Amino acid sequence: MRYPVMERAPLAAKRDFDLLPRSAKVDVYIVKNSTLGELAEMANRLVPGVQITEPDLAKYHRFDPDSILTFNRNGKLLGAVAFLFLNSRGHDALILDEINLKNPDFGLLATGSEEVSAIYVRAIAGQGRAMAGLGNVSEHLSQPRLASADLYAQPTSVVGRNLTISIGFEPIHSYQHDLWRYQRPWNRFPINAPAVQPARSFADAWH
């Protein structure tokens, strides 16, 4: 399952994902077991080319419940977003195109005791007002375990690409096809700061 298709157009103006306003009209929850079947049906209906089953979702939900969030309004399911929380090995594998993003090796995913090195947006689908809850999603991703990890995505539609642009994602050089990154504000270098080669460099993955 790859990144986003939605029924309605995404946010029009470009904004920083971590600074999106929280919505009081859309509730964002960690997915419940009882919702997985409905969620699989919605993903298959809204995202062209996707065929996901309830057991598929349950497998990743058991490994890390935080990795699937639902958008809800007045008790009605509007959509969901699914993430892969990658450890350092998974982060390298993503950049080097050495990970099966449809069925990733669990050894590349961060356990509850491991640092999350990167967050891959596996899929996002929604209808109606669902996308108004993206600010609530950014709040969920600001918890200590996740806050230092940049986000990555591969938009597969015009709508998805527009959404990634509107919330601050930019394309990066990597062996992974059409990979976009959202760099968390606290990970960005000040404009006048001297360039420093980080310990985790993307230079070795540049074409």
C-alpha atoms as a PDB file:
ATOM      1  CA  MET A   1       0.000   0.000   0.000  1.00  0.00           C
ATOM      2  CA  ARG A   2       1.555   3.271  -1.093  1.00  0.00           C
ATOM      3  CA  TYR A   3       1.022   6.928  -0.458  1.00  0.00           C
ATOM      4  CA  PRO A   4      -2.073   8.976  -0.692  1.00  0.00           C
ATOM      5  CA  VAL A   5      -5.279   9.192  -2.564  1.00  0.00           C
ATOM      6  CA  MET A   6      -8.169  11.187  -1.146  1.00  0.00           C
ATOM      7  CA  GLU A   7     -11.681  11.967  -2.330  1.00  0.00           C
ATOM      8  CA  ARG A   8     -11.225  15.713  -2.012  1.00  0.00           C
ATOM      9  CA  ALA A   9      -8.440  18.119  -2.864  1.00  0.00           C
ATOM     10  CA  PRO A  10      -5.728  18.574  -0.205  1.00  0.00           C
ATOM     11  CA  LEU A  11      -4.792  21.743   1.617  1.00  0.00           C
ATOM     12  CA  ALA A  12      -4.339  24.562  -0.901  1.00  0.00           C
ATOM     13  CA  ALA A  13      -1.720  26.712   0.792  1.00  0.00           C
ATOM     14  CA  LYS A  14       1.724  25.407   1.718  1.00  0.00           C
ATOM     15  CA  ARG A  15       2.106  24.919   5.460  1.00  0.00           C
ATOM     16  CA  ASP A  16       4.535  23.226   7.786  1.00  0.00           C
ATOM     17  CA  PHE A  17       3.224  19.807   8.863  1.00  0.00           C
ATOM     18  CA  ASP A  18       4.350  20.243  12.474  1.00  0.00           C
ATOM     19  CA  LEU A  19       2.577  23.612  12.675  1.00  0.00           C
ATOM     20  CA  LEU A  20      -0.784  22.561  11.225  1.00  0.00           C
ATOM     21  CA  PRO A  21      -3.690  23.613  13.464  1.00  0.00           C
ATOM     22  CA  ARG A  22      -5.346  20.939  15.577  1.00  0.00           C
ATOM     23  CA  SER A  23      -8.956  20.215  14.690  1.00  0.00           C
ATOM     24  CA  ALA A  24     -11.728  19.959  17.237  1.00  0.00           C
ATOM     25  CA  LYS A  25     -14.091  18.628  14.565  1.00  0.00           C
ATOM     26  CA  VAL A  26     -12.050  15.596  13.503  1.00  0.00           C
ATOM     27  CA  ASP A  27     -10.856  13.093  16.077  1.00  0.00           C
ATOM     28  CA  VAL A  28      -7.680  11.119  15.441  1.00  0.00           C
ATOM     29  CA  TYR A  29      -7.316   7.823  17.301  1.00  0.00           C
ATOM     30  CA  ILE A  30      -5.026   4.827  17.307  1.00  0.00           C
ATOM     31  CA  VAL A  31      -6.922   2.245  15.278  1.00  0.00           C
ATOM     32  CA  LYS A  32      -9.069  -0.252  17.153  1.00  0.00           C
ATOM     33  CA  ASN A  33      -9.161  -3.954  16.285  1.00  0.00           C
ATOM     34  CA  SER A  34     -12.875  -3.694  15.620  1.00  0.00           C
ATOM     35  CA  THR A  35     -12.232  -1.063  12.921  1.00  0.00           C
ATOM     36  CA  LEU A  36      -9.608  -2.940  10.889  1.00  0.00           C
ATOM     37  CA  GLY A  37     -12.082  -4.658   8.557  1.00  0.00           C
ATOM     38  CA  GLU A  38     -13.874  -1.392   7.727  1.00  0.00           C
ATOM     39  CA  LEU A  39     -10.522   0.305   7.280  1.00  0.00           C
ATOM     40  CA  ALA A  40      -9.286  -2.343   4.823  1.00  0.00           C
ATOM     41  CA  GLU A  41     -12.494  -1.975   2.799  1.00  0.00           C
ATOM     42  CA  MET A  42     -12.102   1.807   2.699  1.00  0.00           C
ATOM     43  CA  ALA A  43      -8.465   1.623   1.588  1.00  0.00           C
ATOM     44  CA  ASN A  44      -9.311  -0.823  -1.200  1.00  0.00           C
ATOM     45  CA  ARG A  45     -12.141   1.440  -2.353  1.00  0.00           C
ATOM     46  CA  LEU A  46     -10.371   4.809  -2.171  1.00  0.00           C
ATOM     47  CA  VAL A  47      -6.810   3.951  -3.201  1.00  0.00           C
ATOM     48  CA  PRO A  48      -6.530   2.635  -6.793  1.00  0.00           C
ATOM     49  CA  GLY A  49      -4.404  -0.491  -7.116  1.00  0.00           C
ATOM     50  CA  VAL A  50      -4.439  -1.278  -3.399  1.00  0.00           C
ATOM     51  CA  GLN A  51      -5.616  -4.639  -2.132  1.00  0.00           C
ATOM     52  CA  ILE A  52      -5.157  -4.944   1.619  1.00  0.00           C
ATOM     53  CA  THR A  53      -6.849  -7.373   3.966  1.00  0.00           C
ATOM     54  CA  GLU A  54      -7.863  -7.146   7.594  1.00  0.00           C
ATOM     55  CA  PRO A  55      -5.171  -9.712   8.588  1.00  0.00           C
ATOM     56  CA  ASP A  56      -2.545  -7.569   6.799  1.00  0.00           C
ATOM     57  CA  LEU A  57      -3.533  -4.544   8.865  1.00  0.00           C
ATOM     58  CA  ALA A  58      -3.771  -6.595  12.052  1.00  0.00           C
ATOM     59  CA  LYS A  59      -0.187  -7.854  11.614  1.00  0.00           C
ATOM     60  CA  TYR A  60       1.282  -4.343  11.705  1.00  0.00           C
ATOM     61  CA  HIS A  61      -1.192  -3.145  14.305  1.00  0.00           C
ATOM     62  CA  ARG A  62      -0.011  -5.892  16.672  1.00  0.00           C
ATOM     63  CA  PHE A  63       3.629  -4.970  16.094  1.00  0.00           C
ATOM     64  CA  ASP A  64       3.075  -1.244  16.726  1.00  0.00           C
ATOM     65  CA  PRO A  65      -0.443   0.080  17.433  1.00  0.00           C
ATOM     66  CA  ASP A  66       0.815   3.681  17.066  1.00  0.00           C
ATOM     67  CA  SER A  67       1.507   3.077  13.368  1.00  0.00           C
ATOM     68  CA  ILE A  68      -2.138   3.245  12.202  1.00  0.00           C
ATOM     69  CA  LEU A  69      -4.328   6.244  13.032  1.00  0.00           C
ATOM     70  CA  THR A  70      -7.943   6.808  12.075  1.00  0.00           C
ATOM     71  CA  PHE A  71      -9.808  10.022  11.259  1.00  0.00           C
ATOM     72  CA  ASN A  72     -13.265  10.150  12.840  1.00  0.00           C
ATOM     73  CA  ARG A  73     -16.144  12.639  13.040  1.00  0.00           C
ATOM     74  CA  ASN A  74     -19.163  12.144  15.281  1.00  0.00           C
ATOM     75  CA  GLY A  75     -18.295   8.463  15.602  1.00  0.00           C
ATOM     76  CA  LYS A  76     -18.033   7.917  11.841  1.00  0.00           C
ATOM     77  CA  LEU A  77     -14.812   6.591  10.303  1.00  0.00           C
ATOM     78  CA  LEU A  78     -13.572   9.086   7.676  1.00  0.00           C
ATOM     79  CA  GLY A  79     -10.189   7.574   6.831  1.00  0.00           C
ATOM     80  CA  ALA A  80      -6.804   6.614   8.157  1.00  0.00           C
ATOM     81  CA  VAL A  81      -3.061   7.055   7.845  1.00  0.00           C
ATOM     82  CA  ALA A  82      -0.528   4.229   8.171  1.00  0.00           C
ATOM     83  CA  PHE A  83       3.163   4.596   8.969  1.00  0.00           C
ATOM     84  CA  LEU A  84       6.276   2.464   9.065  1.00  0.00           C
ATOM     85  CA  PHE A  85       8.432   3.461  12.034  1.00  0.00           C
ATOM     86  CA  LEU A  86      11.911   2.549  10.808  1.00  0.00           C
ATOM     87  CA  ASN A  87      14.985   1.857  12.897  1.00  0.00           C
ATOM     88  CA  SER A  88      18.423   2.914  11.649  1.00  0.00           C
ATOM     89  CA  ARG A  89      18.723  -0.197   9.471  1.00  0.00           C
ATOM     90  CA  GLY A  90      15.303   0.463   7.998  1.00  0.00           C
ATOM     91  CA  HIS A  91      16.208   4.100   7.373  1.00  0.00           C
ATOM     92  CA  ASP A  92      19.285   3.042   5.389  1.00  0.00           C
ATOM     93  CA  ALA A  93      17.248   0.437   3.505  1.00  0.00           C
ATOM     94  CA  LEU A  94      14.655   3.063   2.560  1.00  0.00           C
ATOM     95  CA  ILE A  95      17.223   5.452   1.112  1.00  0.00           C
ATOM     96  CA  LEU A  96      19.050   2.652  -0.703  1.00  0.00           C
ATOM     97  CA  ASP A  97      15.858   1.019  -2.068  1.00  0.00           C
ATOM     98  CA  GLU A  98      16.552  -2.168  -0.123  1.00  0.00           C
ATOM     99  CA  ILE A  99      13.189  -2.473   1.618  1.00  0.00           C
ATOM    100  CA  ASN A 100       9.943  -4.039   0.449  1.00  0.00           C
ATOM    101  CA  LEU A 101       7.538  -1.252   1.399  1.00  0.00           C
ATOM    102  CA  LYS A 102       4.476  -3.411   0.752  1.00  0.00           C
ATOM    103  CA  ASN A 103       5.666  -6.185   3.055  1.00  0.00           C
ATOM    104  CA  PRO A 104       8.635  -4.896   5.057  1.00  0.00           C
ATOM    105  CA  ASP A 105      10.908  -7.095   7.122  1.00  0.00           C
ATOM    106  CA  PHE A 106      10.033  -6.551  10.782  1.00  0.00           C
ATOM    107  CA  GLY A 107      13.757  -6.379  11.503  1.00  0.00           C
ATOM    108  CA  LEU A 108      13.772  -2.975   9.787  1.00  0.00           C
ATOM    109  CA  LEU A 109      11.002  -1.602  11.997  1.00  0.00           C
ATOM    110  CA  ALA A 110      11.668   0.016  15.352  1.00  0.00           C
ATOM    111  CA  THR A 111      10.480  -1.921  18.364  1.00  0.00           C
ATOM    112  CA  GLY A 112       9.091  -0.096  21.371  1.00  0.00           C
ATOM    113  CA  SER A 113      12.587  -0.003  22.923  1.00  0.00           C
ATOM    114  CA  GLU A 114      14.385   1.199  19.768  1.00  0.00           C
ATOM    115  CA  GLU A 115      14.914   4.734  18.509  1.00  0.00           C
ATOM    116  CA  VAL A 116      12.693   5.610  15.535  1.00  0.00           C
ATOM    117  CA  SER A 117      15.132   6.852  12.892  1.00  0.00           C
ATOM    118  CA  ALA A 118      12.620   7.640  10.129  1.00  0.00           C
ATOM    119  CA  ILE A 119       8.869   7.632   9.628  1.00  0.00           C
ATOM    120  CA  TYR A 120       7.598   6.395   6.264  1.00  0.00           C
ATOM    121  CA  VAL A 121       4.046   7.414   5.372  1.00  0.00           C
ATOM    122  CA  ARG A 122       2.830   4.133   4.010  1.00  0.00           C
ATOM    123  CA  ALA A 123      -0.635   5.302   2.975  1.00  0.00           C
ATOM    124  CA  ILE A 124      -3.245   7.907   3.698  1.00  0.00           C
ATOM    125  CA  ALA A 125      -6.842   7.788   2.568  1.00  0.00           C
ATOM    126  CA  GLY A 126      -9.854   9.773   3.597  1.00  0.00           C
ATOM    127  CA  GLN A 127     -13.191  11.201   2.657  1.00  0.00           C
ATOM    128  CA  GLY A 128     -15.104  14.314   3.613  1.00  0.00           C
ATOM    129  CA  ARG A 129     -13.336  16.344   6.316  1.00  0.00           C
ATOM    130  CA  ALA A 130     -10.700  13.700   7.098  1.00  0.00           C
ATOM    131  CA  MET A 131      -7.694  15.781   6.060  1.00  0.00           C
ATOM    132  CA  ALA A 132      -8.658  18.487   8.559  1.00  0.00           C
ATOM    133  CA  GLY A 133      -7.259  16.056  11.131  1.00  0.00           C
ATOM    134  CA  LEU A 134      -3.680  16.197   9.839  1.00  0.00           C
ATOM    135  CA  GLY A 135      -2.759  18.655  12.585  1.00  0.00           C
ATOM    136  CA  ASN A 136      -3.899  16.079  15.128  1.00  0.00           C
ATOM    137  CA  VAL A 137      -1.668  13.532  13.385  1.00  0.00           C
ATOM    138  CA  SER A 138       1.336  15.863  13.692  1.00  0.00           C
ATOM    139  CA  GLU A 139       0.586  16.145  17.401  1.00  0.00           C
ATOM    140  CA  HIS A 140       0.656  12.339  17.685  1.00  0.00           C
ATOM    141  CA  LEU A 141       4.028  12.272  15.897  1.00  0.00           C
ATOM    142  CA  SER A 142       5.476  14.839  18.317  1.00  0.00           C
ATOM    143  CA  GLN A 143       5.646  12.338  21.191  1.00  0.00           C
ATOM    144  CA  PRO A 144       9.229  11.779  22.425  1.00  0.00           C
ATOM    145  CA  ARG A 145       9.714   8.440  20.671  1.00  0.00           C
ATOM    146  CA  LEU A 146       8.820   9.917  17.264  1.00  0.00           C
ATOM    147  CA  ALA A 147       9.617  13.625  17.399  1.00  0.00           C
ATOM    148  CA  SER A 148      13.202  13.456  16.140  1.00  0.00           C
ATOM    149  CA  ALA A 149      12.392  11.332  13.065  1.00  0.00           C
ATOM    150  CA  ASP A 150      11.886  12.983   9.675  1.00  0.00           C
ATOM    151  CA  LEU A 151       8.964  11.814   7.516  1.00  0.00           C
ATOM    152  CA  TYR A 152       9.245  10.209   4.069  1.00  0.00           C
ATOM    153  CA  ALA A 153       6.642   9.480   1.411  1.00  0.00           C
ATOM    154  CA  GLN A 154       6.209   8.442  -2.213  1.00  0.00           C
ATOM    155  CA  PRO A 155       3.193  10.257  -3.688  1.00  0.00           C
ATOM    156  CA  THR A 156       1.592   8.163  -6.422  1.00  0.00           C
ATOM    157  CA  SER A 157      -1.055  10.575  -7.685  1.00  0.00           C
ATOM    158  CA  VAL A 158      -1.420  14.261  -8.508  1.00  0.00           C
ATOM    159  CA  VAL A 159      -3.571  14.719  -5.418  1.00  0.00           C
ATOM    160  CA  GLY A 160      -1.024  12.939  -3.260  1.00  0.00           C
ATOM    161  CA  ARG A 161       1.830  14.986  -4.673  1.00  0.00           C
ATOM    162  CA  ASN A 162      -0.081  18.207  -4.042  1.00  0.00           C
ATOM    163  CA  LEU A 163      -0.678  17.141  -0.460  1.00  0.00           C
ATOM    164  CA  THR A 164       3.001  16.360   0.180  1.00  0.00           C
ATOM    165  CA  ILE A 165       3.969  19.772  -1.211  1.00  0.00           C
ATOM    166  CA  SER A 166       1.283  21.587   0.771  1.00  0.00           C
ATOM    167  CA  ILE A 167       2.569  20.288   4.129  1.00  0.00           C
ATOM    168  CA  GLY A 168       6.278  20.824   3.519  1.00  0.00           C
ATOM    169  CA  PHE A 169       7.637  17.655   1.880  1.00  0.00           C
ATOM    170  CA  GLU A 170      10.389  18.048  -0.711  1.00  0.00           C
ATOM    171  CA  PRO A 171      11.907  15.505  -3.142  1.00  0.00           C
ATOM    172  CA  ILE A 172      15.328  14.188  -2.172  1.00  0.00           C
ATOM    173  CA  HIS A 173      18.144  12.350  -3.943  1.00  0.00           C
ATOM    174  CA  SER A 174      18.050   8.633  -3.166  1.00  0.00           C
ATOM    175  CA  TYR A 175      18.065   5.246  -4.839  1.00  0.00           C
ATOM    176  CA  GLN A 176      14.431   4.907  -3.739  1.00  0.00           C
ATOM    177  CA  HIS A 177      12.175   6.055  -6.578  1.00  0.00           C
ATOM    178  CA  ASP A 178      10.496   9.465  -6.160  1.00  0.00           C
ATOM    179  CA  LEU A 179      11.189   9.738  -2.440  1.00  0.00           C
ATOM    180  CA  TRP A 180      10.046  12.893  -0.644  1.00  0.00           C
ATOM    181  CA  ARG A 181      11.090  14.036   2.829  1.00  0.00           C
ATOM    182  CA  TYR A 182       9.558  16.302   5.421  1.00  0.00           C
ATOM    183  CA  GLN A 183      12.335  17.514   7.700  1.00  0.00           C
ATOM    184  CA  ARG A 184      11.186  18.284  11.212  1.00  0.00           C
ATOM    185  CA  PRO A 185      11.757  21.972  12.086  1.00  0.00           C
ATOM    186  CA  TRP A 186      14.167  21.142  14.919  1.00  0.00           C
ATOM    187  CA  ASN A 187      16.322  19.058  12.532  1.00  0.00           C
ATOM    188  CA  ARG A 188      16.909  21.906  10.076  1.00  0.00           C
ATOM    189  CA  PHE A 189      20.163  23.830  10.027  1.00  0.00           C
ATOM    190  CA  PRO A 190      19.914  27.614  10.549  1.00  0.00           C
ATOM    191  CA  ILE A 191      20.351  29.445   7.247  1.00  0.00           C
ATOM    192  CA  ASN A 192      23.687  30.983   8.289  1.00  0.00           C
ATOM    193  CA  ALA A 193      25.079  27.903   9.995  1.00  0.00           C
ATOM    194  CA  PRO A 194      28.134  26.260   8.404  1.00  0.00           C
ATOM    195  CA  ALA A 195      27.404  23.048   6.576  1.00  0.00           C
ATOM    196  CA  VAL A 196      28.230  20.016   8.692  1.00  0.00           C
ATOM    197  CA  GLN A 197      28.206  16.468   7.368  1.00  0.00           C
ATOM    198  CA  PRO A 198      25.842  14.519   9.650  1.00  0.00           C
ATOM    199  CA  ALA A 199      26.689  11.062  10.912  1.00  0.00           C
ATOM    200  CA  ARG A 200      23.788   9.689   8.848  1.00  0.00           C
ATOM    201  CA  SER A 201      24.543  11.070   5.405  1.00  0.00           C
ATOM    202  CA  PHE A 202      22.505  10.812   2.240  1.00  0.00           C
ATOM    203  CA  ALA A 203      25.584  11.509   0.111  1.00  0.00           C
ATOM    204  CA  ASP A 204      26.296   7.838  -0.489  1.00  0.00           C
ATOM    205  CA  ALA A 205      22.794   7.387  -1.909  1.00  0.00           C
ATOM    206  CA  TRP A 206      22.923  10.223  -4.433  1.00  0.00           C
ATOM    207  CA  HIS A 207      22.731   9.399  -8.127  1.00  0.00           C
END
